[in-house]
N, C-alpha and C. Protein backbone atom coordinates (compact mmCIF):
# COMPACT_ATOMS: atom_id res chain seq x y z
N UNK A 1 61.99 104.50 116.41
CA UNK A 1 63.37 104.78 116.00
C UNK A 1 63.87 103.67 115.09
N UNK A 2 64.94 103.89 114.36
CA UNK A 2 65.56 102.88 113.52
C UNK A 2 66.66 102.21 114.32
N UNK A 3 66.57 100.89 114.39
CA UNK A 3 67.61 100.12 115.08
C UNK A 3 68.64 99.69 114.05
N UNK A 4 69.92 99.65 114.44
CA UNK A 4 70.99 99.33 113.50
C UNK A 4 71.16 97.83 113.38
N UNK A 5 70.28 97.19 112.63
CA UNK A 5 70.38 95.76 112.41
C UNK A 5 70.95 95.46 111.05
N UNK A 6 70.55 94.34 110.43
CA UNK A 6 71.11 93.95 109.15
C UNK A 6 70.20 94.34 108.00
N UNK A 7 70.80 94.79 106.91
CA UNK A 7 70.07 95.09 105.68
C UNK A 7 70.94 94.71 104.52
N UNK A 8 70.41 94.04 103.53
CA UNK A 8 71.21 93.59 102.40
C UNK A 8 70.84 94.36 101.16
N UNK A 9 71.71 95.30 100.72
CA UNK A 9 71.41 96.10 99.54
C UNK A 9 71.70 95.33 98.27
N UNK A 10 71.10 95.74 97.18
CA UNK A 10 71.42 95.19 95.87
C UNK A 10 72.37 96.14 95.17
N UNK A 11 73.25 95.64 94.27
CA UNK A 11 74.19 96.52 93.57
C UNK A 11 73.45 97.59 92.78
N UNK A 12 74.05 98.73 92.69
CA UNK A 12 73.43 99.87 91.99
C UNK A 12 74.26 100.24 90.77
N UNK A 13 73.61 100.87 89.83
CA UNK A 13 74.32 101.46 88.71
C UNK A 13 75.11 102.63 89.23
N UNK A 14 76.42 102.67 88.97
CA UNK A 14 77.27 103.69 89.56
C UNK A 14 77.30 104.97 88.73
N UNK A 15 76.68 104.98 87.56
CA UNK A 15 76.74 106.16 86.71
C UNK A 15 75.91 107.29 87.29
N UNK A 16 76.47 108.51 87.28
CA UNK A 16 75.72 109.67 87.76
C UNK A 16 75.50 110.68 86.65
N UNK A 17 75.86 110.33 85.42
CA UNK A 17 75.64 111.24 84.30
C UNK A 17 74.42 110.79 83.52
N UNK A 18 73.84 111.69 82.76
CA UNK A 18 72.64 111.39 82.02
C UNK A 18 72.95 110.77 80.67
N UNK A 19 74.20 110.77 80.26
CA UNK A 19 74.58 110.15 79.01
C UNK A 19 75.64 109.10 79.32
N UNK A 20 76.00 108.24 78.37
CA UNK A 20 76.98 107.20 78.67
C UNK A 20 78.26 107.79 79.25
N UNK A 21 78.80 107.10 80.23
CA UNK A 21 79.99 107.60 80.91
C UNK A 21 81.15 107.74 79.94
N UNK A 22 81.86 108.84 80.04
CA UNK A 22 83.03 109.05 79.20
C UNK A 22 84.09 108.02 79.56
N UNK A 23 84.70 107.44 78.57
CA UNK A 23 85.71 106.43 78.81
C UNK A 23 86.91 107.05 79.52
N UNK A 24 87.59 106.25 80.30
CA UNK A 24 88.77 106.73 81.03
C UNK A 24 89.82 107.18 80.03
N UNK A 25 90.66 108.16 80.43
CA UNK A 25 91.71 108.62 79.53
C UNK A 25 92.53 107.44 79.00
N UNK A 26 92.83 107.48 77.71
CA UNK A 26 93.50 106.35 77.08
C UNK A 26 94.96 106.26 77.46
N UNK A 27 95.53 107.28 77.99
CA UNK A 27 96.93 107.23 78.40
C UNK A 27 97.14 108.22 79.54
N UNK A 28 98.26 108.06 80.21
CA UNK A 28 98.50 108.83 81.41
C UNK A 28 98.62 110.32 81.13
N UNK A 29 99.05 110.70 79.93
CA UNK A 29 99.24 112.12 79.62
C UNK A 29 97.90 112.86 79.69
N UNK A 30 96.84 112.27 79.14
CA UNK A 30 95.55 112.92 79.19
C UNK A 30 95.07 113.03 80.64
N UNK A 31 95.34 112.00 81.44
CA UNK A 31 94.97 112.04 82.85
C UNK A 31 95.72 113.16 83.57
N UNK A 32 96.98 113.35 83.22
CA UNK A 32 97.77 114.43 83.82
C UNK A 32 97.20 115.80 83.46
N UNK A 33 96.77 115.94 82.21
CA UNK A 33 96.17 117.20 81.79
C UNK A 33 94.90 117.48 82.58
N UNK A 34 94.08 116.45 82.79
CA UNK A 34 92.86 116.62 83.56
C UNK A 34 93.17 116.92 85.02
N UNK A 35 94.18 116.29 85.57
CA UNK A 35 94.58 116.59 86.95
C UNK A 35 94.97 118.06 87.09
N UNK A 36 95.75 118.54 86.16
CA UNK A 36 96.19 119.94 86.20
C UNK A 36 95.00 120.87 86.04
N UNK A 37 94.10 120.54 85.12
CA UNK A 37 92.93 121.39 84.90
C UNK A 37 92.04 121.42 86.13
N UNK A 38 91.82 120.26 86.77
CA UNK A 38 90.99 120.22 87.98
C UNK A 38 91.59 121.11 89.07
N UNK A 39 92.91 121.08 89.21
CA UNK A 39 93.55 121.89 90.23
C UNK A 39 93.38 123.37 89.96
N UNK A 40 93.56 123.79 88.73
CA UNK A 40 93.44 125.20 88.38
C UNK A 40 91.98 125.65 88.50
N UNK A 41 91.06 124.87 87.99
CA UNK A 41 89.64 125.23 88.10
C UNK A 41 89.20 125.28 89.55
N UNK A 42 89.68 124.35 90.38
CA UNK A 42 89.29 124.34 91.79
C UNK A 42 89.83 125.56 92.51
N UNK A 43 91.04 125.98 92.17
CA UNK A 43 91.66 127.12 92.84
C UNK A 43 91.11 128.46 92.37
N UNK A 44 90.88 128.57 91.06
CA UNK A 44 90.55 129.88 90.49
C UNK A 44 89.09 130.03 90.07
N UNK A 45 88.39 128.91 89.90
CA UNK A 45 87.06 128.98 89.32
C UNK A 45 87.14 129.01 87.81
N UNK A 46 86.04 128.73 87.15
CA UNK A 46 86.06 128.62 85.69
C UNK A 46 86.43 129.93 85.02
N UNK A 47 85.83 131.02 85.44
CA UNK A 47 86.04 132.29 84.74
C UNK A 47 87.48 132.78 84.85
N UNK A 48 88.08 132.66 86.03
CA UNK A 48 89.44 133.16 86.22
C UNK A 48 90.51 132.21 85.72
N UNK A 49 90.18 130.94 85.60
CA UNK A 49 91.16 129.97 85.11
C UNK A 49 91.46 130.23 83.63
N UNK A 50 92.70 130.04 83.25
CA UNK A 50 93.09 130.22 81.86
C UNK A 50 93.74 128.95 81.33
N UNK A 51 93.66 128.77 80.04
CA UNK A 51 94.32 127.63 79.42
C UNK A 51 95.83 127.74 79.57
N UNK A 52 96.34 128.98 79.62
CA UNK A 52 97.77 129.16 79.84
C UNK A 52 98.18 128.61 81.20
N UNK A 53 97.38 128.92 82.23
CA UNK A 53 97.70 128.45 83.58
C UNK A 53 97.60 126.93 83.67
N UNK A 54 96.61 126.37 83.00
CA UNK A 54 96.45 124.91 83.02
C UNK A 54 97.62 124.25 82.30
N UNK A 55 97.99 124.78 81.14
CA UNK A 55 99.11 124.21 80.40
C UNK A 55 100.40 124.30 81.21
N UNK A 56 100.61 125.43 81.88
CA UNK A 56 101.81 125.60 82.69
C UNK A 56 101.84 124.59 83.83
N UNK A 57 100.72 124.39 84.50
CA UNK A 57 100.67 123.44 85.62
C UNK A 57 100.92 122.01 85.12
N UNK A 58 100.43 121.73 83.92
CA UNK A 58 100.60 120.39 83.35
C UNK A 58 101.95 120.23 82.65
N UNK A 59 102.73 121.31 82.60
CA UNK A 59 103.99 121.31 81.86
C UNK A 59 103.75 120.88 80.41
N UNK A 60 102.72 121.54 79.85
CA UNK A 60 102.32 121.23 78.49
C UNK A 60 102.13 122.54 77.73
N UNK A 61 101.34 122.51 76.67
CA UNK A 61 101.10 123.69 75.86
C UNK A 61 99.61 123.86 75.60
N UNK A 62 99.21 125.08 75.27
CA UNK A 62 97.81 125.32 74.92
C UNK A 62 97.37 124.49 73.72
N UNK A 63 98.16 124.42 72.64
CA UNK A 63 97.73 123.59 71.52
C UNK A 63 97.46 122.13 71.92
N UNK A 64 98.24 121.60 72.86
CA UNK A 64 98.02 120.23 73.32
C UNK A 64 96.68 120.12 74.03
N UNK A 65 96.37 121.10 74.87
CA UNK A 65 95.08 121.10 75.57
C UNK A 65 93.93 121.15 74.57
N UNK A 66 94.02 122.03 73.61
CA UNK A 66 92.94 122.15 72.63
C UNK A 66 92.82 120.89 71.78
N UNK A 67 93.95 120.24 71.49
CA UNK A 67 93.91 119.02 70.70
C UNK A 67 93.19 117.90 71.44
N UNK A 68 93.36 117.86 72.75
CA UNK A 68 92.74 116.82 73.55
C UNK A 68 91.28 117.12 73.89
N UNK A 69 90.97 118.39 74.15
CA UNK A 69 89.66 118.70 74.75
C UNK A 69 88.83 119.72 73.98
N UNK A 70 89.39 120.35 72.97
CA UNK A 70 88.60 121.22 72.11
C UNK A 70 88.44 122.65 72.58
N UNK A 71 88.07 122.84 73.83
CA UNK A 71 87.84 124.19 74.34
C UNK A 71 87.95 124.18 75.86
N UNK A 72 88.04 125.35 76.42
CA UNK A 72 88.05 125.48 77.88
C UNK A 72 86.76 124.94 78.48
N UNK A 73 85.64 125.22 77.82
CA UNK A 73 84.35 124.74 78.31
C UNK A 73 84.29 123.22 78.32
N UNK A 74 84.77 122.58 77.25
CA UNK A 74 84.77 121.12 77.20
C UNK A 74 85.73 120.53 78.23
N UNK A 75 86.85 121.17 78.42
CA UNK A 75 87.80 120.70 79.43
C UNK A 75 87.18 120.77 80.82
N UNK A 76 86.47 121.84 81.10
CA UNK A 76 85.79 121.99 82.39
C UNK A 76 84.72 120.91 82.57
N UNK A 77 84.00 120.62 81.48
CA UNK A 77 82.98 119.57 81.56
C UNK A 77 83.61 118.22 81.83
N UNK A 78 84.71 117.93 81.13
CA UNK A 78 85.40 116.65 81.37
C UNK A 78 85.86 116.55 82.82
N UNK A 79 86.37 117.64 83.36
CA UNK A 79 86.84 117.64 84.75
C UNK A 79 85.69 117.37 85.72
N UNK A 80 84.57 118.06 85.51
CA UNK A 80 83.44 117.90 86.43
C UNK A 80 82.84 116.51 86.35
N UNK A 81 82.72 115.97 85.14
CA UNK A 81 82.16 114.63 84.99
C UNK A 81 83.10 113.57 85.55
N UNK A 82 84.39 113.73 85.32
CA UNK A 82 85.35 112.75 85.86
C UNK A 82 85.33 112.77 87.37
N UNK A 83 85.29 113.97 87.97
CA UNK A 83 85.28 114.07 89.42
C UNK A 83 84.04 113.41 90.01
N UNK A 84 82.87 113.70 89.42
CA UNK A 84 81.62 113.11 89.92
C UNK A 84 81.61 111.60 89.76
N UNK A 85 82.10 111.11 88.63
CA UNK A 85 82.09 109.68 88.38
C UNK A 85 83.09 108.95 89.28
N UNK A 86 84.26 109.55 89.49
CA UNK A 86 85.25 108.94 90.37
C UNK A 86 84.72 108.83 91.80
N UNK A 87 84.09 109.90 92.28
CA UNK A 87 83.54 109.88 93.63
C UNK A 87 82.39 108.88 93.73
N UNK A 88 81.51 108.87 92.74
CA UNK A 88 80.39 107.93 92.75
C UNK A 88 80.90 106.50 92.76
N UNK A 89 81.91 106.21 91.96
CA UNK A 89 82.44 104.85 91.89
C UNK A 89 82.98 104.41 93.24
N UNK A 90 83.75 105.29 93.88
CA UNK A 90 84.33 104.95 95.18
C UNK A 90 83.25 104.82 96.25
N UNK A 91 82.30 105.74 96.23
CA UNK A 91 81.24 105.75 97.24
C UNK A 91 80.36 104.51 97.16
N UNK A 92 79.86 104.21 95.97
CA UNK A 92 78.94 103.10 95.83
C UNK A 92 79.65 101.74 95.91
N UNK A 93 80.90 101.68 95.49
CA UNK A 93 81.65 100.44 95.64
C UNK A 93 81.81 100.10 97.12
N UNK A 94 82.05 101.10 97.94
CA UNK A 94 82.17 100.87 99.38
C UNK A 94 80.85 100.39 99.96
N UNK A 95 79.75 100.96 99.51
CA UNK A 95 78.44 100.55 100.02
C UNK A 95 78.08 99.14 99.57
N UNK A 96 78.39 98.80 98.32
CA UNK A 96 78.12 97.45 97.84
C UNK A 96 78.97 96.44 98.61
N UNK A 97 80.24 96.79 98.87
CA UNK A 97 81.11 95.89 99.62
C UNK A 97 80.59 95.65 101.03
N UNK A 98 79.84 96.63 101.57
CA UNK A 98 79.29 96.50 102.92
C UNK A 98 77.91 95.84 102.93
N UNK A 99 77.45 95.39 101.76
CA UNK A 99 76.14 94.76 101.68
C UNK A 99 76.03 93.57 102.61
N UNK A 100 74.91 93.46 103.30
CA UNK A 100 74.70 92.38 104.24
C UNK A 100 75.12 92.72 105.65
N UNK A 101 75.85 93.81 105.81
CA UNK A 101 76.23 94.25 107.15
C UNK A 101 75.09 95.06 107.75
N UNK A 102 75.28 95.51 108.98
CA UNK A 102 74.26 96.31 109.63
C UNK A 102 74.10 97.65 108.93
N UNK A 103 72.95 98.28 109.15
CA UNK A 103 72.73 99.60 108.57
C UNK A 103 73.80 100.56 109.04
N UNK A 104 74.18 100.48 110.31
CA UNK A 104 75.24 101.35 110.84
C UNK A 104 76.54 101.14 110.07
N UNK A 105 76.90 99.90 109.79
CA UNK A 105 78.15 99.63 109.08
C UNK A 105 78.08 100.08 107.63
N UNK A 106 76.91 99.99 107.03
CA UNK A 106 76.77 100.47 105.66
C UNK A 106 76.87 102.00 105.61
N UNK A 107 76.26 102.66 106.58
CA UNK A 107 76.39 104.12 106.66
C UNK A 107 77.85 104.50 106.86
N UNK A 108 78.53 103.78 107.74
CA UNK A 108 79.94 104.06 108.02
C UNK A 108 80.78 103.86 106.76
N UNK A 109 80.53 102.79 106.01
CA UNK A 109 81.31 102.52 104.80
C UNK A 109 81.18 103.66 103.80
N UNK A 110 79.95 104.13 103.58
CA UNK A 110 79.75 105.22 102.64
C UNK A 110 80.36 106.52 103.10
N UNK A 111 80.22 106.81 104.40
CA UNK A 111 80.78 108.05 104.94
C UNK A 111 82.30 108.05 104.86
N UNK A 112 82.93 106.94 105.25
CA UNK A 112 84.38 106.85 105.19
C UNK A 112 84.87 106.99 103.75
N UNK A 113 84.16 106.37 102.81
CA UNK A 113 84.56 106.47 101.41
C UNK A 113 84.50 107.91 100.92
N UNK A 114 83.47 108.63 101.33
CA UNK A 114 83.32 110.03 100.91
C UNK A 114 84.45 110.88 101.48
N UNK A 115 84.72 110.74 102.77
CA UNK A 115 85.78 111.54 103.39
C UNK A 115 87.16 111.14 102.85
N UNK A 116 87.37 109.85 102.62
CA UNK A 116 88.65 109.40 102.07
C UNK A 116 88.87 110.00 100.68
N UNK A 117 87.82 110.04 99.88
CA UNK A 117 87.93 110.63 98.55
C UNK A 117 88.28 112.11 98.65
N UNK A 118 87.59 112.82 99.54
CA UNK A 118 87.84 114.26 99.69
C UNK A 118 89.28 114.52 100.11
N UNK A 119 89.83 113.65 100.98
CA UNK A 119 91.20 113.84 101.45
C UNK A 119 92.22 113.47 100.38
N UNK A 120 91.93 112.43 99.61
CA UNK A 120 92.88 111.95 98.61
C UNK A 120 92.84 112.77 97.32
N UNK A 121 91.69 113.38 97.04
CA UNK A 121 91.52 114.15 95.79
C UNK A 121 90.93 115.54 96.12
N UNK A 122 91.67 116.36 96.84
CA UNK A 122 91.11 117.64 97.29
C UNK A 122 90.71 118.57 96.15
N UNK A 123 91.44 118.54 95.04
CA UNK A 123 91.08 119.42 93.92
C UNK A 123 89.78 118.99 93.28
N UNK A 124 89.60 117.69 93.06
CA UNK A 124 88.35 117.22 92.50
C UNK A 124 87.19 117.50 93.45
N UNK A 125 87.43 117.31 94.74
CA UNK A 125 86.37 117.56 95.71
C UNK A 125 85.99 119.04 95.71
N UNK A 126 86.98 119.93 95.71
CA UNK A 126 86.67 121.36 95.72
C UNK A 126 86.06 121.81 94.40
N UNK A 127 86.43 121.16 93.30
CA UNK A 127 85.80 121.47 92.02
C UNK A 127 84.30 121.19 92.10
N UNK A 128 83.94 120.06 92.72
CA UNK A 128 82.53 119.68 92.81
C UNK A 128 81.77 120.47 93.85
N UNK A 129 82.40 120.69 95.01
CA UNK A 129 81.66 121.22 96.15
C UNK A 129 82.17 122.58 96.64
N UNK A 130 83.13 123.17 95.95
CA UNK A 130 83.65 124.46 96.36
C UNK A 130 82.75 125.62 95.98
N UNK A 131 83.06 126.77 96.52
CA UNK A 131 82.23 127.97 96.28
C UNK A 131 82.36 128.50 94.86
N UNK A 132 83.43 128.08 94.14
CA UNK A 132 83.65 128.59 92.79
C UNK A 132 82.94 127.75 91.72
N UNK A 133 82.21 126.73 92.13
CA UNK A 133 81.57 125.84 91.16
C UNK A 133 80.59 126.61 90.26
N UNK A 134 80.66 126.35 88.97
CA UNK A 134 79.77 127.01 88.01
C UNK A 134 79.67 126.13 86.78
N UNK A 135 78.99 126.63 85.75
CA UNK A 135 78.92 125.92 84.49
C UNK A 135 78.32 124.54 84.64
N UNK A 136 79.05 123.51 84.18
CA UNK A 136 78.55 122.13 84.20
C UNK A 136 78.71 121.47 85.57
N UNK A 137 79.45 122.08 86.49
CA UNK A 137 79.71 121.44 87.78
C UNK A 137 78.44 121.26 88.61
N UNK A 138 77.59 122.28 88.77
CA UNK A 138 76.39 122.06 89.59
C UNK A 138 75.53 120.90 89.11
N UNK A 139 75.41 120.71 87.81
CA UNK A 139 74.61 119.62 87.29
C UNK A 139 75.26 118.27 87.62
N UNK A 140 76.58 118.17 87.45
CA UNK A 140 77.27 116.92 87.79
C UNK A 140 77.16 116.64 89.28
N UNK A 141 77.32 117.68 90.08
CA UNK A 141 77.20 117.53 91.53
C UNK A 141 75.80 117.10 91.93
N UNK A 142 74.78 117.68 91.30
CA UNK A 142 73.41 117.33 91.65
C UNK A 142 73.09 115.89 91.28
N UNK A 143 73.58 115.44 90.12
CA UNK A 143 73.36 114.05 89.75
C UNK A 143 74.00 113.10 90.76
N UNK A 144 75.20 113.46 91.19
CA UNK A 144 75.88 112.64 92.19
C UNK A 144 75.11 112.60 93.49
N UNK A 145 74.70 113.75 93.98
CA UNK A 145 73.99 113.82 95.26
C UNK A 145 72.63 113.14 95.18
N UNK A 146 71.96 113.25 94.03
CA UNK A 146 70.68 112.57 93.85
C UNK A 146 70.86 111.06 93.87
N UNK A 147 71.90 110.58 93.19
CA UNK A 147 72.18 109.14 93.18
C UNK A 147 72.50 108.65 94.59
N UNK A 148 73.29 109.42 95.34
CA UNK A 148 73.64 109.03 96.70
C UNK A 148 72.40 109.04 97.59
N UNK A 149 71.57 110.06 97.44
CA UNK A 149 70.34 110.15 98.24
C UNK A 149 69.41 108.98 97.94
N UNK A 150 69.24 108.67 96.67
CA UNK A 150 68.37 107.55 96.28
C UNK A 150 68.89 106.23 96.85
N UNK A 151 70.22 106.06 96.82
CA UNK A 151 70.80 104.82 97.33
C UNK A 151 70.55 104.67 98.83
N UNK A 152 70.78 105.73 99.58
CA UNK A 152 70.58 105.68 101.02
C UNK A 152 69.10 105.49 101.35
N UNK A 153 68.23 106.15 100.60
CA UNK A 153 66.78 105.97 100.81
C UNK A 153 66.39 104.52 100.59
N UNK A 154 66.98 103.88 99.58
CA UNK A 154 66.70 102.46 99.34
C UNK A 154 67.15 101.61 100.53
N UNK A 155 68.32 101.92 101.10
CA UNK A 155 68.81 101.17 102.26
C UNK A 155 67.85 101.31 103.44
N UNK A 156 67.34 102.53 103.64
CA UNK A 156 66.40 102.76 104.74
C UNK A 156 65.13 101.96 104.52
N UNK A 157 64.61 101.97 103.30
CA UNK A 157 63.38 101.22 103.01
C UNK A 157 63.60 99.71 103.16
N UNK A 158 64.76 99.23 102.69
CA UNK A 158 65.07 97.81 102.82
C UNK A 158 65.18 97.41 104.29
N UNK A 159 65.80 98.28 105.07
CA UNK A 159 65.93 97.99 106.50
C UNK A 159 64.56 97.94 107.16
N UNK A 160 63.71 98.90 106.85
CA UNK A 160 62.37 98.94 107.45
C UNK A 160 61.59 97.68 107.10
N UNK A 161 61.69 97.26 105.83
CA UNK A 161 60.96 96.07 105.41
C UNK A 161 61.49 94.82 106.11
N UNK A 162 62.81 94.75 106.28
CA UNK A 162 63.41 93.58 106.92
C UNK A 162 63.10 93.50 108.40
N UNK A 163 62.69 94.62 109.00
CA UNK A 163 62.43 94.65 110.44
C UNK A 163 60.95 94.93 110.75
N UNK A 164 60.11 94.60 109.77
CA UNK A 164 58.65 94.68 109.97
C UNK A 164 58.18 96.06 110.41
N UNK A 165 58.87 97.10 109.92
CA UNK A 165 58.41 98.46 110.17
C UNK A 165 57.45 98.86 109.05
N UNK A 166 56.60 99.84 109.32
CA UNK A 166 55.75 100.36 108.24
C UNK A 166 56.63 100.85 107.09
N UNK A 167 56.18 100.69 105.86
CA UNK A 167 57.00 101.13 104.71
C UNK A 167 57.25 102.63 104.72
N UNK A 168 58.46 103.01 104.37
CA UNK A 168 58.83 104.42 104.27
C UNK A 168 58.63 104.87 102.83
N UNK A 169 58.07 106.05 102.66
CA UNK A 169 57.91 106.63 101.34
C UNK A 169 58.83 107.83 101.17
N UNK A 170 58.21 109.01 101.03
CA UNK A 170 58.99 110.24 100.86
C UNK A 170 59.88 110.51 102.06
N UNK A 171 59.51 110.01 103.24
CA UNK A 171 60.32 110.25 104.44
C UNK A 171 61.70 109.64 104.31
N UNK A 172 61.82 108.51 103.60
CA UNK A 172 63.13 107.88 103.42
C UNK A 172 64.04 108.78 102.58
N UNK A 173 63.48 109.36 101.52
CA UNK A 173 64.27 110.28 100.68
C UNK A 173 64.67 111.53 101.45
N UNK A 174 63.74 112.05 102.25
CA UNK A 174 64.06 113.23 103.06
C UNK A 174 65.16 112.92 104.06
N UNK A 175 65.03 111.79 104.73
CA UNK A 175 66.04 111.38 105.69
C UNK A 175 67.40 111.19 105.01
N UNK A 176 67.40 110.56 103.84
CA UNK A 176 68.64 110.34 103.10
C UNK A 176 69.28 111.66 102.68
N UNK A 177 68.45 112.64 102.32
CA UNK A 177 69.00 113.94 101.93
C UNK A 177 69.69 114.62 103.11
N UNK A 178 69.17 114.41 104.32
CA UNK A 178 69.83 114.94 105.51
C UNK A 178 71.21 114.32 105.67
N UNK A 179 71.30 113.01 105.47
CA UNK A 179 72.57 112.30 105.64
C UNK A 179 73.59 112.76 104.60
N UNK A 180 73.15 112.90 103.35
CA UNK A 180 74.05 113.35 102.29
C UNK A 180 74.53 114.78 102.58
N UNK A 181 73.61 115.65 102.98
CA UNK A 181 74.00 117.03 103.27
C UNK A 181 74.98 117.11 104.42
N UNK A 182 74.74 116.33 105.47
CA UNK A 182 75.66 116.31 106.62
C UNK A 182 77.04 115.84 106.19
N UNK A 183 77.08 114.81 105.35
CA UNK A 183 78.37 114.27 104.91
C UNK A 183 79.14 115.28 104.08
N UNK A 184 78.46 115.93 103.15
CA UNK A 184 79.12 116.92 102.29
C UNK A 184 79.66 118.08 103.12
N UNK A 185 78.82 118.65 103.98
CA UNK A 185 79.26 119.79 104.77
C UNK A 185 80.35 119.39 105.76
N UNK A 186 80.24 118.17 106.30
CA UNK A 186 81.28 117.69 107.21
C UNK A 186 82.61 117.55 106.52
N UNK A 187 82.61 117.02 105.30
CA UNK A 187 83.86 116.89 104.56
C UNK A 187 84.44 118.25 104.20
N UNK A 188 83.59 119.19 103.82
CA UNK A 188 84.05 120.55 103.55
C UNK A 188 84.76 121.14 104.78
N UNK A 189 84.12 120.98 105.92
CA UNK A 189 84.68 121.51 107.16
C UNK A 189 85.98 120.82 107.52
N UNK A 190 86.01 119.49 107.37
CA UNK A 190 87.21 118.74 107.73
C UNK A 190 88.40 119.14 106.87
N UNK A 191 88.16 119.37 105.57
CA UNK A 191 89.26 119.75 104.68
C UNK A 191 89.83 121.11 105.03
N UNK A 192 88.98 121.98 105.59
CA UNK A 192 89.45 123.32 105.91
C UNK A 192 89.87 123.50 107.35
N UNK A 193 89.95 122.40 108.09
CA UNK A 193 90.22 122.49 109.53
C UNK A 193 91.67 122.23 109.89
N UNK A 194 92.58 122.37 108.94
CA UNK A 194 94.00 122.22 109.24
C UNK A 194 94.37 120.80 109.62
N UNK A 195 94.83 120.59 110.85
CA UNK A 195 95.36 119.27 111.23
C UNK A 195 94.30 118.21 111.52
N UNK A 196 93.02 118.56 111.40
CA UNK A 196 91.97 117.59 111.67
C UNK A 196 92.07 116.40 110.72
N UNK A 197 92.06 115.18 111.26
CA UNK A 197 92.13 113.97 110.45
C UNK A 197 90.81 113.74 109.74
N UNK A 198 90.82 113.62 108.40
CA UNK A 198 89.57 113.32 107.69
C UNK A 198 88.95 112.01 108.16
N UNK A 199 89.77 111.01 108.47
CA UNK A 199 89.23 109.74 108.93
C UNK A 199 88.53 109.90 110.29
N UNK A 200 89.14 110.68 111.18
CA UNK A 200 88.51 110.92 112.48
C UNK A 200 87.21 111.70 112.30
N UNK A 201 87.22 112.69 111.41
CA UNK A 201 86.01 113.46 111.13
C UNK A 201 84.92 112.55 110.56
N UNK A 202 85.31 111.60 109.72
CA UNK A 202 84.34 110.67 109.14
C UNK A 202 83.73 109.78 110.22
N UNK A 203 84.54 109.32 111.15
CA UNK A 203 84.02 108.50 112.24
C UNK A 203 83.04 109.31 113.09
N UNK A 204 83.36 110.57 113.31
CA UNK A 204 82.48 111.43 114.10
C UNK A 204 81.16 111.66 113.35
N UNK A 205 81.25 111.89 112.04
CA UNK A 205 80.05 112.08 111.23
C UNK A 205 79.19 110.82 111.25
N UNK A 206 79.83 109.65 111.18
CA UNK A 206 79.09 108.39 111.24
C UNK A 206 78.36 108.26 112.57
N UNK A 207 79.07 108.58 113.67
CA UNK A 207 78.46 108.50 114.99
C UNK A 207 77.24 109.41 115.08
N UNK A 208 77.36 110.60 114.53
CA UNK A 208 76.26 111.57 114.55
C UNK A 208 75.07 111.03 113.75
N UNK A 209 75.35 110.50 112.55
CA UNK A 209 74.29 110.01 111.69
C UNK A 209 73.57 108.81 112.31
N UNK A 210 74.33 107.88 112.84
CA UNK A 210 73.74 106.68 113.43
C UNK A 210 72.89 107.05 114.65
N UNK A 211 73.38 107.97 115.46
CA UNK A 211 72.60 108.41 116.62
C UNK A 211 71.27 109.01 116.17
N UNK A 212 71.31 109.79 115.09
CA UNK A 212 70.08 110.39 114.57
C UNK A 212 69.12 109.31 114.07
N UNK A 213 69.65 108.33 113.34
CA UNK A 213 68.80 107.26 112.82
C UNK A 213 68.14 106.46 113.95
N UNK A 214 68.90 106.22 115.01
CA UNK A 214 68.38 105.41 116.11
C UNK A 214 67.27 106.12 116.88
N UNK A 215 67.20 107.43 116.76
CA UNK A 215 66.22 108.17 117.56
C UNK A 215 65.17 108.86 116.71
N UNK A 216 65.00 108.39 115.48
CA UNK A 216 63.95 108.95 114.64
C UNK A 216 62.58 108.59 115.22
N UNK A 217 61.71 109.56 115.23
CA UNK A 217 60.32 109.34 115.65
C UNK A 217 59.56 108.79 114.43
N UNK A 218 59.24 107.50 114.48
CA UNK A 218 58.59 106.88 113.34
C UNK A 218 57.21 107.47 113.05
N UNK A 219 56.59 108.02 114.07
CA UNK A 219 55.29 108.64 113.82
C UNK A 219 55.44 109.90 112.97
N UNK A 220 56.54 110.61 113.13
CA UNK A 220 56.78 111.79 112.29
C UNK A 220 57.10 111.36 110.85
N UNK A 221 57.85 110.27 110.70
CA UNK A 221 58.13 109.76 109.36
C UNK A 221 56.82 109.37 108.68
N UNK A 222 55.93 108.72 109.42
CA UNK A 222 54.63 108.35 108.85
C UNK A 222 53.81 109.58 108.49
N UNK A 223 53.90 110.62 109.30
CA UNK A 223 53.18 111.85 109.01
C UNK A 223 53.69 112.50 107.73
N UNK A 224 55.04 112.47 107.54
CA UNK A 224 55.63 112.99 106.30
C UNK A 224 55.08 112.22 105.11
N UNK A 225 55.04 110.91 105.22
CA UNK A 225 54.55 110.09 104.12
C UNK A 225 53.07 110.32 103.84
N UNK A 226 52.31 110.58 104.90
CA UNK A 226 50.88 110.79 104.73
C UNK A 226 50.57 112.17 104.18
N UNK A 227 51.50 113.13 104.42
CA UNK A 227 51.24 114.50 104.02
C UNK A 227 51.39 114.74 102.56
């Protein structure tokens, strides 16, 4: 099993896009337009969302939207990339801040950051992980989840090395993918559960994850790596 001792991670590149990260909006008006667009896209999906509805929510005009973003497709891409980058930044910053703490505390830091983001930015979260996701969103979401999985896999490997365990190979990535999937589905459930506290749900998810890590059969992990 994995014991929750100390592991010291190294800082990671927070970018989850394949091209240079788009610079932050140069003024608050553009950020407001993106906020309005994220809300409409999250509620209606790309196909049903209209530039008229986005302009109305932003208390702006269609010409203003087109002047800033060019097209509905480009606006959707900007929304998906901003959402993924904002979540990645918050998630990995929390993990870096927890560097040097126990594996349990690092898992807790990342889980709390994810749930806190989902609660504070429900439209961005639903844009990325909602059932209406289409177009550029799945690719942005996949880059984010891959980056998160790779980061957690690195933490598992670092922990194993620091505690004289056999090195983990593909099993670390598989284990990390379980943790990421649990976190995503848990946050989805927590957001839709009415009065349920996202922070309490995050603590419960952390408890579940840590219990699983502590009771992993290392012989099965080795078998995965050997297979």
